[in-house]
Structures are given as C-alpha cells and as structure tokens.
Amino acid sequence: MRLIASSNDLGYDRIIVIPAKHFGRAVDRNLARRRAKEIFRLYGGRVQEGCPAEGRGHDLVLVLYPGKVSDFPMLESGFTKLLDRVYRR
C-alpha cells in the first residue's frame, strides 16, 4: 500500500483508491476500494482535526498492491498510519 499526498486549496480532503495492475478479480478490487474509502470516511476527519495546517485540504492517492491487503483490520491499521504521516507534515 502506498499513499501519495498533495496539498490543495479546497479546504477539504479528496481521495482516490487505485488497485495496482493485476490486483485480482473485479470483485476483489471493488471490495478493497470500498474498504479503503470507508476507513477514510471514519478516520479522515478525526485525523484532520489535529492537523496544524487547518483550512488546507489534501488530495490523496492510495495505491493498493495485490497480496498486501488481505483483511479489513490490516488495511485499517496500515491506512491510518499513512494518514497520520501525511497530516503531521
């Protein structure tokens, strides 16, 4: 899993989830995408409240690699660590 972040002037965050090439079947790609968006919905606002650069948003690109994401708790822990790293900048 890799997270690429860029600042934007919109004042809110946007996310796009991209499963890497050969991630698996469409069902697997869509499940991983839905899970990542749900984690962002749950944790994105909570992390942003402590962000030192309030009023600035981020454009986030989450790239998921096959075999690296197997279940929801694993995706959740990895994604929240990446979000913390982005918002500490």
PDB file of N, CA and C in Angstrom:
ATOM      1  N   MET A   1       0.849  -1.156   0.000  1.00  0.00           N
ATOM      2  CA  MET A   1       0.000   0.000   0.000  1.00  0.00           C
ATOM      3  C   MET A   1       0.906   1.233   0.000  1.00  0.00           C
ATOM      4  N   ARG A   2       0.545   2.188  -0.816  1.00  0.00           N
ATOM      5  CA  ARG A   2       1.328   3.410  -0.906  1.00  0.00           C
ATOM      6  C   ARG A   2       0.374   4.590  -0.946  1.00  0.00           C
ATOM      7  N   LEU A   3       0.696   5.658  -0.238  1.00  0.00           N
ATOM      8  CA  LEU A   3      -0.142   6.844  -0.199  1.00  0.00           C
ATOM      9  C   LEU A   3       0.650   8.028  -0.725  1.00  0.00           C
ATOM     10  N   ILE A   4       0.086   8.688  -1.706  1.00  0.00           N
ATOM     11  CA  ILE A   4       0.695   9.885  -2.285  1.00  0.00           C
ATOM     12  C   ILE A   4      -0.209  11.048  -1.928  1.00  0.00           C
ATOM     13  N   ALA A   5       0.356  12.117  -1.395  1.00  0.00           N
ATOM     14  CA  ALA A   5      -0.442  13.255  -0.944  1.00  0.00           C
ATOM     15  C   ALA A   5       0.066  14.538  -1.566  1.00  0.00           C
ATOM     16  N   SER A   6      -0.883  15.420  -1.821  1.00  0.00           N
ATOM     17  CA  SER A   6      -0.574  16.739  -2.349  1.00  0.00           C
ATOM     18  C   SER A   6      -1.545  17.733  -1.736  1.00  0.00           C
ATOM     19  N   SER A   7      -1.081  18.922  -1.430  1.00  0.00           N
ATOM     20  CA  SER A   7      -1.960  19.933  -0.842  1.00  0.00           C
ATOM     21  C   SER A   7      -2.883  20.508  -1.900  1.00  0.00           C
ATOM     22  N   ASN A   8      -4.080  20.900  -1.457  1.00  0.00           N
ATOM     23  CA  ASN A   8      -4.978  21.634  -2.336  1.00  0.00           C
ATOM     24  C   ASN A   8      -5.556  22.811  -1.561  1.00  0.00           C
ATOM     25  N   ASP A   9      -6.159  23.744  -2.241  1.00  0.00           N
ATOM     26  CA  ASP A   9      -6.710  24.936  -1.605  1.00  0.00           C
ATOM     27  C   ASP A   9      -8.215  24.847  -1.416  1.00  0.00           C
ATOM     28  N   LEU A  10      -8.764  23.645  -1.452  1.00  0.00           N
ATOM     29  CA  LEU A  10     -10.205  23.477  -1.348  1.00  0.00           C
ATOM     30  C   LEU A  10     -10.703  23.500   0.087  1.00  0.00           C
ATOM     31  N   GLY A  11      -9.837  23.219   1.047  1.00  0.00           N
ATOM     32  CA  GLY A  11     -10.247  23.208   2.434  1.00  0.00           C
ATOM     33  C   GLY A  11     -10.790  21.871   2.899  1.00  0.00           C
ATOM     34  N   TYR A  12     -10.809  20.903   2.041  1.00  0.00           N
ATOM     35  CA  TYR A  12     -11.241  19.554   2.413  1.00  0.00           C
ATOM     36  C   TYR A  12     -10.409  18.545   1.649  1.00  0.00           C
ATOM     37  N   ASP A  13     -10.454  17.314   2.130  1.00  0.00           N
ATOM     38  CA  ASP A  13      -9.642  16.256   1.535  1.00  0.00           C
ATOM     39  C   ASP A  13     -10.425  15.492   0.479  1.00  0.00           C
ATOM     40  N   ARG A  14      -9.688  15.014  -0.500  1.00  0.00           N
ATOM     41  CA  ARG A  14     -10.255  14.127  -1.514  1.00  0.00           C
ATOM     42  C   ARG A  14      -9.375  12.895  -1.591  1.00  0.00           C
ATOM     43  N   ILE A  15      -9.984  11.768  -1.939  1.00  0.00           N
ATOM     44  CA  ILE A  15      -9.215  10.529  -2.026  1.00  0.00           C
ATOM     45  C   ILE A  15      -9.604   9.772  -3.281  1.00  0.00           C
ATOM     46  N   ILE A  16      -8.615   9.101  -3.843  1.00  0.00           N
ATOM     47  CA  ILE A  16      -8.852   8.168  -4.933  1.00  0.00           C
ATOM     48  C   ILE A  16      -8.080   6.898  -4.574  1.00  0.00           C
ATOM     49  N   VAL A  17      -8.725   5.770  -4.745  1.00  0.00           N
ATOM     50  CA  VAL A  17      -8.118   4.484  -4.430  1.00  0.00           C
ATOM     51  C   VAL A  17      -7.890   3.746  -5.744  1.00  0.00           C
ATOM     52  N   ILE A  18      -6.649   3.353  -5.977  1.00  0.00           N
ATOM     53  CA  ILE A  18      -6.292   2.688  -7.223  1.00  0.00           C
ATOM     54  C   ILE A  18      -5.664   1.332  -6.913  1.00  0.00           C
ATOM     55  N   PRO A  19      -6.352   0.249  -7.215  1.00  0.00           N
ATOM     56  CA  PRO A  19      -5.707  -1.058  -7.113  1.00  0.00           C
ATOM     57  C   PRO A  19      -4.678  -1.197  -8.241  1.00  0.00           C
ATOM     58  N   ALA A  20      -3.506  -1.702  -7.905  1.00  0.00           N
ATOM     59  CA  ALA A  20      -2.442  -1.844  -8.898  1.00  0.00           C
ATOM     60  C   ALA A  20      -2.841  -2.864  -9.961  1.00  0.00           C
ATOM     61  N   LYS A  21      -2.110  -2.834 -11.049  1.00  0.00           N
ATOM     62  CA  LYS A  21      -2.377  -3.756 -12.143  1.00  0.00           C
ATOM     63  C   LYS A  21      -2.299  -5.201 -11.651  1.00  0.00           C
ATOM     64  N   HIS A  22      -3.173  -6.023 -12.132  1.00  0.00           N
ATOM     65  CA  HIS A  22      -3.245  -7.441 -11.764  1.00  0.00           C
ATOM     66  C   HIS A  22      -3.578  -7.632 -10.283  1.00  0.00           C
ATOM     67  N   PHE A  23      -4.417  -6.753  -9.729  1.00  0.00           N
ATOM     68  CA  PHE A  23      -4.817  -6.869  -8.327  1.00  0.00           C
ATOM     69  C   PHE A  23      -5.646  -8.115  -8.094  1.00  0.00           C
ATOM     70  N   GLY A  24      -6.400  -8.499  -9.064  1.00  0.00           N
ATOM     71  CA  GLY A  24      -7.265  -9.667  -8.918  1.00  0.00           C
ATOM     72  C   GLY A  24      -8.538  -9.463  -9.714  1.00  0.00           C
ATOM     73  N   ARG A  25      -9.557 -10.175  -9.292  1.00  0.00           N
ATOM     74  CA  ARG A  25     -10.844 -10.043  -9.971  1.00  0.00           C
ATOM     75  C   ARG A  25     -11.471  -8.690  -9.645  1.00  0.00           C
ATOM     76  N   ALA A  26     -12.439  -8.305 -10.448  1.00  0.00           N
ATOM     77  CA  ALA A  26     -13.126  -7.031 -10.232  1.00  0.00           C
ATOM     78  C   ALA A  26     -13.782  -6.986  -8.857  1.00  0.00           C
ATOM     79  N   VAL A  27     -14.286  -8.119  -8.405  1.00  0.00           N
ATOM     80  CA  VAL A  27     -14.906  -8.189  -7.085  1.00  0.00           C
ATOM     81  C   VAL A  27     -13.894  -7.839  -5.998  1.00  0.00           C
ATOM     82  N   ASP A  28     -12.686  -8.351  -6.110  1.00  0.00           N
ATOM     83  CA  ASP A  28     -11.634  -8.084  -5.126  1.00  0.00           C
ATOM     84  C   ASP A  28     -11.199  -6.617  -5.162  1.00  0.00           C
ATOM     85  N   ARG A  29     -11.051  -6.074  -6.362  1.00  0.00           N
ATOM     86  CA  ARG A  29     -10.658  -4.665  -6.496  1.00  0.00           C
ATOM     87  C   ARG A  29     -11.705  -3.745  -5.897  1.00  0.00           C
ATOM     88  N   ASN A  30     -12.971  -4.005  -6.186  1.00  0.00           N
ATOM     89  CA  ASN A  30     -14.033  -3.149  -5.672  1.00  0.00           C
ATOM     90  C   ASN A  30     -14.177  -3.270  -4.164  1.00  0.00           C
ATOM     91  N   LEU A  31     -14.001  -4.469  -3.618  1.00  0.00           N
ATOM     92  CA  LEU A  31     -14.067  -4.658  -2.174  1.00  0.00           C
ATOM     93  C   LEU A  31     -12.955  -3.870  -1.484  1.00  0.00           C
ATOM     94  N   ALA A  32     -11.744  -3.955  -1.999  1.00  0.00           N
ATOM     95  CA  ALA A  32     -10.619  -3.215  -1.423  1.00  0.00           C
ATOM     96  C   ALA A  32     -10.858  -1.710  -1.529  1.00  0.00           C
ATOM     97  N   ARG A  33     -11.381  -1.255  -2.643  1.00  0.00           N
ATOM     98  CA  ARG A  33     -11.667   0.163  -2.836  1.00  0.00           C
ATOM     99  C   ARG A  33     -12.728   0.648  -1.848  1.00  0.00           C
ATOM    100  N   ARG A  34     -13.803  -0.122  -1.680  1.00  0.00           N
ATOM    101  CA  ARG A  34     -14.862   0.261  -0.736  1.00  0.00           C
ATOM    102  C   ARG A  34     -14.353   0.279   0.698  1.00  0.00           C
ATOM    103  N   ARG A  35     -13.527  -0.695   1.056  1.00  0.00           N
ATOM    104  CA  ARG A  35     -12.971  -0.730   2.407  1.00  0.00           C
ATOM    105  C   ARG A  35     -12.087   0.483   2.672  1.00  0.00           C
ATOM    106  N   ALA A  36     -11.240   0.829   1.722  1.00  0.00           N
ATOM    107  CA  ALA A  36     -10.341   1.970   1.908  1.00  0.00           C
ATOM    108  C   ALA A  36     -11.130   3.272   2.017  1.00  0.00           C
ATOM    109  N   LYS A  37     -12.166   3.433   1.225  1.00  0.00           N
ATOM    110  CA  LYS A  37     -12.982   4.648   1.308  1.00  0.00           C
ATOM    111  C   LYS A  37     -13.728   4.728   2.629  1.00  0.00           C
ATOM    112  N   GLU A  38     -14.172   3.591   3.155  1.00  0.00           N
ATOM    113  CA  GLU A  38     -14.849   3.572   4.444  1.00  0.00           C
ATOM    114  C   GLU A  38     -13.886   3.949   5.569  1.00  0.00           C
ATOM    115  N   ILE A  39     -12.663   3.455   5.519  1.00  0.00           N
ATOM    116  CA  ILE A  39     -11.661   3.816   6.522  1.00  0.00           C
ATOM    117  C   ILE A  39     -11.375   5.307   6.454  1.00  0.00           C
ATOM    118  N   PHE A  40     -11.272   5.852   5.257  1.00  0.00           N
ATOM    119  CA  PHE A  40     -11.040   7.286   5.109  1.00  0.00           C
ATOM    120  C   PHE A  40     -12.213   8.075   5.667  1.00  0.00           C
ATOM    121  N   ARG A  41     -13.427   7.602   5.425  1.00  0.00           N
ATOM    122  CA  ARG A  41     -14.614   8.285   5.946  1.00  0.00           C
ATOM    123  C   ARG A  41     -14.607   8.278   7.475  1.00  0.00           C
ATOM    124  N   LEU A  42     -14.208   7.156   8.068  1.00  0.00           N
ATOM    125  CA  LEU A  42     -14.216   7.035   9.525  1.00  0.00           C
ATOM    126  C   LEU A  42     -13.080   7.810  10.185  1.00  0.00           C
ATOM    127  N   TYR A  43     -11.885   7.747   9.620  1.00  0.00           N
ATOM    128  CA  TYR A  43     -10.705   8.294  10.279  1.00  0.00           C
ATOM    129  C   TYR A  43     -10.198   9.600   9.685  1.00  0.00           C
ATOM    130  N   GLY A  44     -10.579   9.935   8.480  1.00  0.00           N
ATOM    131  CA  GLY A  44     -10.048  11.137   7.825  1.00  0.00           C
ATOM    132  C   GLY A  44     -10.349  12.407   8.582  1.00  0.00           C
ATOM    133  N   GLY A  45     -11.586  12.578   9.015  1.00  0.00           N
ATOM    134  CA  GLY A  45     -11.960  13.785   9.752  1.00  0.00           C
ATOM    135  C   GLY A  45     -11.333  13.846  11.124  1.00  0.00           C
ATOM    136  N   ARG A  46     -11.220  12.710  11.789  1.00  0.00           N
ATOM    137  CA  ARG A  46     -10.638  12.658  13.127  1.00  0.00           C
ATOM    138  C   ARG A  46      -9.176  13.071  13.096  1.00  0.00           C
ATOM    139  N   VAL A  47      -8.461  12.621  12.098  1.00  0.00           N
ATOM    140  CA  VAL A  47      -7.045  12.952  11.990  1.00  0.00           C
ATOM    141  C   VAL A  47      -6.871  14.402  11.584  1.00  0.00           C
ATOM    142  N   GLN A  48      -7.759  14.896  10.737  1.00  0.00           N
ATOM    143  CA  GLN A  48      -7.619  16.254  10.230  1.00  0.00           C
ATOM    144  C   GLN A  48      -7.838  17.305  11.313  1.00  0.00           C
ATOM    145  N   GLU A  49      -8.620  16.981  12.358  1.00  0.00           N
ATOM    146  CA  GLU A  49      -8.866  17.955  13.416  1.00  0.00           C
ATOM    147  C   GLU A  49      -7.582  18.386  14.101  1.00  0.00           C
ATOM    148  N   GLY A  50      -6.629  17.480  14.220  1.00  0.00           N
ATOM    149  CA  GLY A  50      -5.358  17.806  14.853  1.00  0.00           C
ATOM    150  C   GLY A  50      -4.316  18.328  13.890  1.00  0.00           C
ATOM    151  N   CYS A  51      -4.690  18.502  12.657  1.00  0.00           N
ATOM    152  CA  CYS A  51      -3.752  18.923  11.620  1.00  0.00           C
ATOM    153  C   CYS A  51      -3.316  20.368  11.865  1.00  0.00           C
ATOM    154  N   PRO A  52      -2.024  20.658  11.857  1.00  0.00           N
ATOM    155  CA  PRO A  52      -1.566  22.022  12.095  1.00  0.00           C
ATOM    156  C   PRO A  52      -1.947  22.991  10.984  1.00  0.00           C
ATOM    157  N   ALA A  53      -2.157  22.517   9.789  1.00  0.00           N
ATOM    158  CA  ALA A  53      -2.480  23.396   8.657  1.00  0.00           C
ATOM    159  C   ALA A  53      -3.981  23.334   8.385  1.00  0.00           C
ATOM    160  N   GLU A  54      -4.789  23.816   9.327  1.00  0.00           N
ATOM    161  CA  GLU A  54      -6.236  23.783   9.152  1.00  0.00           C
ATOM    162  C   GLU A  54      -6.616  24.720   8.009  1.00  0.00           C
ATOM    163  N   GLY A  55      -7.671  24.387   7.315  1.00  0.00           N
ATOM    164  CA  GLY A  55      -8.113  25.187   6.189  1.00  0.00           C
ATOM    165  C   GLY A  55      -7.517  24.734   4.876  1.00  0.00           C
ATOM    166  N   ARG A  56      -6.489  23.902   4.962  1.00  0.00           N
ATOM    167  CA  ARG A  56      -5.879  23.337   3.762  1.00  0.00           C
ATOM    168  C   ARG A  56      -6.343  21.911   3.611  1.00  0.00           C
ATOM    169  N   GLY A  57      -6.617  21.518   2.418  1.00  0.00           N
ATOM    170  CA  GLY A  57      -7.005  20.145   2.166  1.00  0.00           C
ATOM    171  C   GLY A  57      -5.889  19.384   1.495  1.00  0.00           C
ATOM    172  N   HIS A  58      -6.135  18.116   1.294  1.00  0.00           N
ATOM    173  CA  HIS A  58      -5.157  17.257   0.637  1.00  0.00           C
ATOM    174  C   HIS A  58      -5.842  16.443  -0.441  1.00  0.00           C
ATOM    175  N   ASP A  59      -5.126  16.180  -1.491  1.00  0.00           N
ATOM    176  CA  ASP A  59      -5.530  15.204  -2.493  1.00  0.00           C
ATOM    177  C   ASP A  59      -4.716  13.955  -2.196  1.00  0.00           C
ATOM    178  N   LEU A  60      -5.406  12.863  -1.903  1.00  0.00           N
ATOM    179  CA  LEU A  60      -4.738  11.630  -1.507  1.00  0.00           C
ATOM    180  C   LEU A  60      -4.955  10.566  -2.572  1.00  0.00           C
ATOM    181  N   VAL A  61      -3.891   9.882  -2.933  1.00  0.00           N
ATOM    182  CA  VAL A  61      -3.957   8.766  -3.869  1.00  0.00           C
ATOM    183  C   VAL A  61      -3.456   7.542  -3.115  1.00  0.00           C
ATOM    184  N   LEU A  62      -4.312   6.550  -2.954  1.00  0.00           N
ATOM    185  CA  LEU A  62      -3.947   5.316  -2.273  1.00  0.00           C
ATOM    186  C   LEU A  62      -3.812   4.225  -3.321  1.00  0.00           C
ATOM    187  N   VAL A  63      -2.611   3.677  -3.450  1.00  0.00           N
ATOM    188  CA  VAL A  63      -2.349   2.604  -4.406  1.00  0.00           C
ATOM    189  C   VAL A  63      -2.267   1.303  -3.616  1.00  0.00           C
ATOM    190  N   LEU A  64      -3.126   0.349  -3.972  1.00  0.00           N
ATOM    191  CA  LEU A  64      -3.165  -0.949  -3.299  1.00  0.00           C
ATOM    192  C   LEU A  64      -2.485  -1.989  -4.179  1.00  0.00           C
ATOM    193  N   TYR A  65      -1.625  -2.792  -3.583  1.00  0.00           N
ATOM    194  CA  TYR A  65      -0.903  -3.816  -4.315  1.00  0.00           C
ATOM    195  C   TYR A  65      -1.475  -5.193  -4.002  1.00  0.00           C
ATOM    196  N   PRO A  66      -1.480  -6.107  -4.967  1.00  0.00           N
ATOM    197  CA  PRO A  66      -2.039  -7.441  -4.726  1.00  0.00           C
ATOM    198  C   PRO A  66      -1.232  -8.214  -3.687  1.00  0.00           C
ATOM    199  N   GLY A  67      -1.958  -8.949  -2.853  1.00  0.00           N
ATOM    200  CA  GLY A  67      -1.314  -9.758  -1.837  1.00  0.00           C
ATOM    201  C   GLY A  67      -0.921  -9.005  -0.588  1.00  0.00           C
ATOM    202  N   LYS A  68      -0.932  -7.692  -0.626  1.00  0.00           N
ATOM    203  CA  LYS A  68      -0.528  -6.893   0.525  1.00  0.00           C
ATOM    204  C   LYS A  68      -1.703  -6.566   1.439  1.00  0.00           C
ATOM    205  N   VAL A  69      -2.917  -6.608   0.911  1.00  0.00           N
ATOM    206  CA  VAL A  69      -4.106  -6.266   1.681  1.00  0.00           C
ATOM    207  C   VAL A  69      -4.996  -7.497   1.708  1.00  0.00           C
ATOM    208  N   SER A  70      -5.169  -8.075   2.890  1.00  0.00           N
ATOM    209  CA  SER A  70      -5.970  -9.288   2.937  1.00  0.00           C
ATOM    210  C   SER A  70      -7.271  -9.109   3.694  1.00  0.00           C
ATOM    211  N   ASP A  71      -7.257  -8.344   4.770  1.00  0.00           N
ATOM    212  CA  ASP A  71      -8.486  -8.183   5.531  1.00  0.00           C
ATOM    213  C   ASP A  71      -8.634  -6.737   6.002  1.00  0.00           C
ATOM    214  N   PHE A  72      -9.812  -6.426   6.523  1.00  0.00           N
ATOM    215  CA  PHE A  72     -10.130  -5.057   6.913  1.00  0.00           C
ATOM    216  C   PHE A  72      -9.216  -4.518   8.012  1.00  0.00           C
ATOM    217  N   PRO A  73      -8.974  -5.257   9.106  1.00  0.00           N
ATOM    218  CA  PRO A  73      -8.092  -4.705  10.152  1.00  0.00           C
ATOM    219  C   PRO A  73      -6.672  -4.399   9.665  1.00  0.00           C
ATOM    220  N   MET A  74      -6.158  -5.230   8.771  1.00  0.00           N
ATOM    221  CA  MET A  74      -4.812  -4.987   8.237  1.00  0.00           C
ATOM    222  C   MET A  74      -4.799  -3.716   7.384  1.00  0.00           C
ATOM    223  N   LEU A  75      -5.805  -3.556   6.533  1.00  0.00           N
ATOM    224  CA  LEU A  75      -5.915  -2.358   5.712  1.00  0.00           C
ATOM    225  C   LEU A  75      -6.118  -1.129   6.591  1.00  0.00           C
ATOM    226  N   GLU A  76      -6.946  -1.274   7.620  1.00  0.00           N
ATOM    227  CA  GLU A  76      -7.237  -0.159   8.520  1.00  0.00           C
ATOM    228  C   GLU A  76      -5.986   0.323   9.246  1.00  0.00           C
ATOM    229  N   SER A  77      -5.208  -0.596   9.796  1.00  0.00           N
ATOM    230  CA  SER A  77      -4.014  -0.178  10.535  1.00  0.00           C
ATOM    231  C   SER A  77      -2.984   0.464   9.609  1.00  0.00           C
ATOM    232  N   GLY A  78      -2.776  -0.108   8.436  1.00  0.00           N
ATOM    233  CA  GLY A  78      -1.811   0.470   7.508  1.00  0.00           C
ATOM    234  C   GLY A  78      -2.227   1.830   6.979  1.00  0.00           C
ATOM    235  N   PHE A  79      -3.514   1.960   6.662  1.00  0.00           N
ATOM    236  CA  PHE A  79      -4.005   3.213   6.093  1.00  0.00           C
ATOM    237  C   PHE A  79      -4.007   4.323   7.132  1.00  0.00           C
ATOM    238  N   THR A  80      -4.375   4.022   8.376  1.00  0.00           N
ATOM    239  CA  THR A  80      -4.360   5.065   9.406  1.00  0.00           C
ATOM    240  C   THR A  80      -2.936   5.524   9.710  1.00  0.00           C
ATOM    241  N   LYS A  81      -1.958   4.614   9.653  1.00  0.00           N
ATOM    242  CA  LYS A  81      -0.563   5.024   9.838  1.00  0.00           C
ATOM    243  C   LYS A  81      -0.127   5.972   8.730  1.00  0.00           C
ATOM    244  N   LEU A  82      -0.537   5.656   7.496  1.00  0.00           N
ATOM    245  CA  LEU A  82      -0.185   6.534   6.381  1.00  0.00           C
ATOM    246  C   LEU A  82      -0.875   7.890   6.512  1.00  0.00           C
ATOM    247  N   LEU A  83      -2.137   7.904   6.941  1.00  0.00           N
ATOM    248  CA  LEU A  83      -2.848   9.171   7.138  1.00  0.00           C
ATOM    249  C   LEU A  83      -2.172  10.013   8.216  1.00  0.00           C
ATOM    250  N   ASP A  84      -1.768   9.383   9.316  1.00  0.00           N
ATOM    251  CA  ASP A  84      -1.067  10.116  10.377  1.00  0.00           C
ATOM    252  C   ASP A  84       0.211  10.763   9.856  1.00  0.00           C
ATOM    253  N   ARG A  85       0.937  10.028   9.024  1.00  0.00           N
ATOM    254  CA  ARG A  85       2.178  10.557   8.469  1.00  0.00           C
ATOM    255  C   ARG A  85       1.920  11.771   7.569  1.00  0.00           C
ATOM    256  N   VAL A  86       0.846  11.714   6.785  1.00  0.00           N
ATOM    257  CA  VAL A  86       0.514  12.826   5.888  1.00  0.00           C
ATOM    258  C   VAL A  86       0.121  14.062   6.686  1.00  0.00           C
ATOM    259  N   TYR A  87      -0.712  13.891   7.721  1.00  0.00           N
ATOM    260  CA  TYR A  87      -1.227  15.035   8.444  1.00  0.00           C
ATOM    261  C   TYR A  87      -0.218  15.638   9.418  1.00  0.00           C
ATOM    262  N   ARG A  88       0.861  14.953   9.715  1.00  0.00           N
ATOM    263  CA  ARG A  88       1.899  15.514  10.596  1.00  0.00           C
ATOM    264  C   ARG A  88       2.795  16.491   9.865  1.00  0.00           C
ATOM    265  N   ARG A  89       2.786  16.472   8.554  1.00  0.00           N
ATOM    266  CA  ARG A  89       3.663  17.372   7.776  1.00  0.00           C
ATOM    267  C   ARG A  89       3.338  18.802   8.022  1.00  0.00           C
TER     268      ARG A  89
END
